[in-house]
Amino acid sequence: MKPFLLLALAATLGTASAEEAQGIALPFKQVSVSSPVFQEIINSILVEEGDTVTEGQPIVQLRSEREELEVLRTQKLIELTQFKAKGADALFKDKMGSKEKALEEQAQLELSKILHQVAEVALKEKTIRSPLSGIVVKKYKEAGESVEKVEKLIDIVNIDRVYVQFYLDPTFMETFKKGQPVKVKFPVIANEEFTAEVSFIDPRIDAGSGLFRIKVEIPNADHKIKAGMRGKADFGKPAAR
């Protein structure tokens, strides 16, 4: 959610001076996965919306036939230059060849190894992997479509932990410390109170609203708390002016 919308919502919920403040649950981590290469065709999307993924898991496969062939070509190039380098070195040691030729062939071998590494990197980029463990919440493309570099492919969120973000009156600013426990309730989760911990206190006061931002973190292994839920916390009385 955009910051100006959060500020507007904070004001609507009455967080400016109330001791019981209302905030919004946010994912612990969220990422939009994009393509690392220039225009390419998608071979397959390996996940669906709602799937749970682990960090490093393949999620999108781009067309990669050319890159696979380039890896094979450079591997053969290494074999050829190794043969030439060994031959030139043997001739030099037997005083039948020059040192310059032996060094030249060795340099060609090193160059072929570098070209092979470049080919392997290009091939690796065609398999797009999840940068975090989480849940797939949106797909932007399907197999057979083309994708541009940095164009969105998949959104993934991690709600194993969640933040609840509040906007409060500056009189509360000196009340909190990082790591301080806070009790949070969610109206849609009846008869349950969650123990949160203050994880971030924004040192800035928003000029437009006159409020400052605070985030508390809650363990959420069972995913009871969903991103976007409204939560309430009693922060006690503000510090005296």
Protein backbone atom coordinates (compact mmCIF):
# COMPACT_ATOMS: atom_id res chain seq x y z
CA MET A 1 0.00 0.00 0.00
CA LYS A 2 1.35 3.46 -0.91
CA PRO A 3 2.56 5.66 1.99
CA PHE A 4 0.06 8.46 1.36
CA LEU A 5 -2.80 5.92 1.45
CA LEU A 6 -1.50 4.49 4.73
CA LEU A 7 -1.36 7.97 6.20
CA ALA A 8 -4.91 8.70 5.05
CA LEU A 9 -6.10 5.41 6.53
CA ALA A 10 -4.25 6.10 9.77
CA ALA A 11 -6.04 9.41 10.12
CA THR A 12 -9.40 7.78 9.28
CA LEU A 13 -8.86 5.13 11.96
CA GLY A 14 -8.14 7.80 14.53
CA THR A 15 -4.58 6.89 15.46
CA ALA A 16 -3.45 10.46 16.04
CA SER A 17 -4.07 10.62 19.78
CA ALA A 18 -6.05 7.56 20.89
CA GLU A 19 -4.33 5.26 23.39
CA GLU A 20 -5.81 2.25 21.58
CA ALA A 21 -4.43 2.69 18.07
CA GLN A 22 -5.35 0.85 14.90
CA GLY A 23 -2.84 -0.32 12.33
CA ILE A 24 -2.43 -2.51 9.27
CA ALA A 25 -0.69 -5.91 9.06
CA LEU A 26 2.09 -6.06 6.47
CA PRO A 27 4.06 -9.06 5.17
CA PHE A 28 7.44 -9.71 6.79
CA LYS A 29 8.91 -9.87 3.28
CA GLN A 30 7.48 -9.36 -0.19
CA VAL A 31 9.08 -9.32 -3.62
CA SER A 32 8.12 -8.95 -7.26
CA VAL A 33 10.22 -11.42 -9.26
CA SER A 34 11.26 -10.15 -12.69
CA SER A 35 13.25 -11.38 -15.66
CA PRO A 36 17.05 -10.85 -15.52
CA VAL A 37 17.45 -10.98 -19.31
CA PHE A 38 16.35 -8.91 -22.28
CA GLN A 39 13.28 -9.98 -24.27
CA GLU A 40 12.72 -13.72 -24.09
CA ILE A 41 9.92 -16.27 -24.42
CA ILE A 42 8.60 -18.05 -21.32
CA ASN A 43 8.84 -21.83 -21.66
CA SER A 44 6.92 -22.60 -18.47
CA ILE A 45 5.61 -21.10 -15.26
CA LEU A 46 6.37 -23.69 -12.60
CA VAL A 47 4.09 -22.36 -9.84
CA GLU A 48 0.50 -21.28 -9.40
CA GLU A 49 -1.07 -18.58 -7.25
CA GLY A 50 -1.38 -19.89 -3.70
CA ASP A 51 1.61 -22.23 -3.98
CA THR A 52 4.16 -22.27 -1.19
CA VAL A 53 7.72 -21.91 -2.46
CA THR A 54 11.14 -22.17 -0.85
CA GLU A 55 14.13 -19.90 -1.38
CA GLY A 56 16.04 -20.99 -4.49
CA GLN A 57 13.17 -23.03 -5.94
CA PRO A 58 12.77 -22.73 -9.76
CA ILE A 59 9.58 -20.80 -10.51
CA VAL A 60 9.92 -19.71 -14.16
CA GLN A 61 11.78 -21.31 -17.05
CA LEU A 62 12.69 -19.10 -20.00
CA ARG A 63 13.63 -20.41 -23.45
CA SER A 64 17.26 -21.54 -23.22
CA GLU A 65 18.20 -23.67 -26.26
CA ARG A 66 20.83 -21.19 -27.51
CA GLU A 67 22.44 -20.92 -24.09
CA GLU A 68 22.55 -24.71 -23.69
CA LEU A 69 24.31 -25.02 -27.06
CA GLU A 70 26.77 -22.27 -26.12
CA VAL A 71 27.69 -24.14 -22.94
CA LEU A 72 28.38 -27.26 -25.03
CA ARG A 73 30.37 -25.27 -27.60
CA THR A 74 32.60 -23.65 -25.01
CA GLN A 75 33.12 -26.98 -23.25
CA LYS A 76 34.44 -28.43 -26.51
CA LEU A 77 36.55 -25.30 -26.98
CA ILE A 78 38.16 -25.96 -23.59
CA GLU A 79 38.97 -29.54 -24.62
CA LEU A 80 40.58 -28.31 -27.86
CA THR A 81 42.64 -25.55 -26.26
CA GLN A 82 43.75 -27.89 -23.47
CA PHE A 83 45.10 -30.29 -26.11
CA LYS A 84 46.92 -27.48 -27.93
CA ALA A 85 48.32 -26.02 -24.70
CA LYS A 86 49.68 -29.38 -23.57
CA GLY A 87 51.23 -29.97 -26.97
CA ALA A 88 52.87 -26.54 -27.11
CA ASP A 89 54.18 -26.94 -23.56
CA ALA A 90 55.64 -30.36 -24.35
CA LEU A 91 57.37 -29.03 -27.47
CA PHE A 92 58.82 -26.12 -25.49
CA LYS A 93 60.18 -28.44 -22.81
CA ASP A 94 61.73 -30.65 -25.51
CA LYS A 95 63.26 -27.50 -27.05
CA MET A 96 61.26 -28.06 -30.23
CA GLY A 97 58.90 -25.14 -29.76
CA SER A 98 59.05 -21.57 -28.54
CA LYS A 99 58.10 -20.26 -25.12
CA GLU A 100 55.92 -17.63 -26.81
CA LYS A 101 53.82 -20.31 -28.53
CA ALA A 102 53.37 -22.22 -25.27
CA LEU A 103 52.26 -19.04 -23.50
CA GLU A 104 49.90 -18.15 -26.35
CA GLU A 105 48.19 -21.55 -26.22
CA GLN A 106 47.92 -21.33 -22.42
CA ALA A 107 46.29 -17.92 -22.76
CA GLN A 108 43.80 -19.36 -25.28
CA LEU A 109 42.96 -22.09 -22.78
CA GLU A 110 42.31 -19.55 -20.02
CA LEU A 111 40.17 -17.47 -22.40
CA SER A 112 38.09 -20.52 -23.36
CA LYS A 113 37.45 -21.23 -19.66
CA ILE A 114 36.23 -17.67 -19.17
CA LEU A 115 33.92 -17.96 -22.20
CA HIS A 116 32.55 -21.19 -20.74
CA GLN A 117 31.82 -19.47 -17.41
CA VAL A 118 30.02 -16.65 -19.24
CA ALA A 119 27.92 -19.23 -21.11
CA GLU A 120 27.03 -20.99 -17.88
CA VAL A 121 25.92 -17.71 -16.28
CA ALA A 122 23.73 -16.92 -19.31
CA LEU A 123 22.15 -20.38 -19.08
CA LYS A 124 21.63 -20.07 -15.34
CA GLU A 125 19.73 -16.80 -15.85
CA LYS A 126 17.13 -18.60 -17.93
CA THR A 127 15.94 -20.48 -14.84
CA ILE A 128 14.38 -17.92 -12.51
CA ARG A 129 14.37 -18.96 -8.86
CA SER A 130 12.45 -17.68 -5.87
CA PRO A 131 14.54 -15.20 -3.87
CA LEU A 132 12.68 -16.06 -0.66
CA SER A 133 10.43 -18.64 0.96
CA GLY A 134 6.80 -17.63 0.88
CA ILE A 135 3.47 -17.81 -0.95
CA VAL A 136 2.84 -16.97 -4.60
CA VAL A 137 0.14 -14.29 -4.60
CA LYS A 138 0.12 -13.11 -8.22
CA LYS A 139 1.22 -14.27 -11.68
CA TYR A 140 1.65 -11.68 -14.41
CA LYS A 141 2.56 -13.96 -17.33
CA GLU A 142 1.85 -17.39 -18.80
CA ALA A 143 3.91 -19.87 -20.82
CA GLY A 144 4.41 -18.77 -24.43
CA GLU A 145 4.35 -15.05 -23.65
CA SER A 146 7.39 -12.84 -24.08
CA VAL A 147 8.91 -10.95 -21.17
CA GLU A 148 11.21 -7.93 -21.06
CA LYS A 149 14.10 -7.40 -18.67
CA VAL A 150 12.92 -6.34 -15.16
CA GLU A 151 9.27 -6.89 -16.19
CA LYS A 152 7.22 -8.41 -13.35
CA LEU A 153 6.57 -12.14 -13.50
CA ILE A 154 5.46 -13.24 -10.02
CA ASP A 155 4.71 -11.67 -6.63
CA ILE A 156 5.72 -13.63 -3.52
CA VAL A 157 5.04 -12.74 0.12
CA ASN A 158 6.31 -14.22 3.37
CA ILE A 159 3.91 -13.98 6.31
CA ASP A 160 5.71 -16.37 8.66
CA ARG A 161 6.12 -13.14 10.59
CA VAL A 162 4.12 -9.97 10.06
CA TYR A 163 4.56 -6.32 10.84
CA VAL A 164 1.70 -4.22 12.10
CA GLN A 165 2.22 -0.59 11.17
CA PHE A 166 0.74 2.26 13.18
CA TYR A 167 0.76 6.05 12.78
CA LEU A 168 0.78 7.82 16.14
CA ASP A 169 0.88 11.28 17.64
CA PRO A 170 4.46 12.51 18.23
CA THR A 171 3.71 12.66 21.97
CA PHE A 172 4.13 8.86 21.91
CA MET A 173 7.58 9.02 20.27
CA GLU A 174 9.60 8.96 23.50
CA THR A 175 7.40 6.22 24.99
CA PHE A 176 8.79 3.30 22.98
CA LYS A 177 12.03 1.38 22.70
CA LYS A 178 13.04 -1.20 20.12
CA GLY A 179 12.27 -4.69 21.42
CA GLN A 180 9.51 -3.49 23.74
CA PRO A 181 6.56 -5.95 23.94
CA VAL A 182 3.14 -4.80 22.73
CA LYS A 183 -0.18 -6.65 22.81
CA VAL A 184 -2.11 -6.62 19.53
CA LYS A 185 -5.64 -7.81 18.77
CA PHE A 186 -7.33 -8.32 15.40
CA PRO A 187 -11.13 -7.91 15.36
CA VAL A 188 -11.50 -10.69 12.75
CA ILE A 189 -9.61 -13.15 15.01
CA ALA A 190 -11.91 -13.48 17.99
CA ASN A 191 -10.73 -14.02 21.56
CA GLU A 192 -7.02 -14.01 20.78
CA GLU A 193 -4.30 -11.56 21.71
CA PHE A 194 -0.86 -11.59 20.10
CA THR A 195 2.42 -10.54 21.67
CA ALA A 196 4.33 -8.27 19.33
CA GLU A 197 7.70 -6.57 19.65
CA VAL A 198 8.55 -3.04 18.58
CA SER A 199 10.86 -3.45 15.57
CA PHE A 200 11.02 0.05 14.09
CA ILE A 201 10.40 3.59 15.30
CA ASP A 202 10.56 6.14 12.51
CA PRO A 203 12.61 9.14 13.66
CA ARG A 204 10.70 11.37 11.23
CA ILE A 205 7.34 13.06 11.67
CA ASP A 206 5.26 13.27 8.51
CA ALA A 207 4.79 16.92 7.62
CA GLY A 208 1.37 16.36 6.07
CA SER A 209 -0.32 14.37 8.83
CA GLY A 210 1.78 15.33 11.84
CA LEU A 211 2.13 11.64 12.75
CA PHE A 212 5.09 9.30 13.09
CA ARG A 213 5.30 5.65 12.07
CA ILE A 214 5.96 2.63 14.28
CA LYS A 215 6.12 -1.05 13.33
CA VAL A 216 5.68 -4.04 15.63
CA GLU A 217 6.59 -7.60 14.63
CA ILE A 218 4.52 -10.73 15.41
CA PRO A 219 5.46 -14.42 14.87
CA ASN A 220 2.87 -15.91 12.50
CA ALA A 221 3.96 -19.48 11.69
CA ASP A 222 0.34 -20.68 11.38
CA HIS A 223 -0.54 -17.75 9.06
CA LYS A 224 -3.54 -16.78 11.17
CA ILE A 225 -2.76 -13.13 10.60
CA LYS A 226 -3.19 -12.09 6.98
CA ALA A 227 -1.55 -9.11 5.34
CA GLY A 228 -4.03 -6.26 5.22
CA MET A 229 -5.81 -7.12 8.46
CA ARG A 230 -6.56 -4.27 10.82
CA GLY A 231 -5.07 -4.65 14.26
CA LYS A 232 -5.50 -2.77 17.52
CA ALA A 233 -2.89 -2.10 20.18
CA ASP A 234 -3.09 -0.27 23.49
CA PHE A 235 0.07 1.83 23.64
CA GLY A 236 -0.79 3.40 26.97
CA LYS A 237 -0.63 7.06 27.71
CA PRO A 238 1.61 9.36 25.68
CA ALA A 239 4.59 11.07 27.23
CA ALA A 240 3.87 14.44 28.85
CA ARG A 241 4.59 17.44 26.69
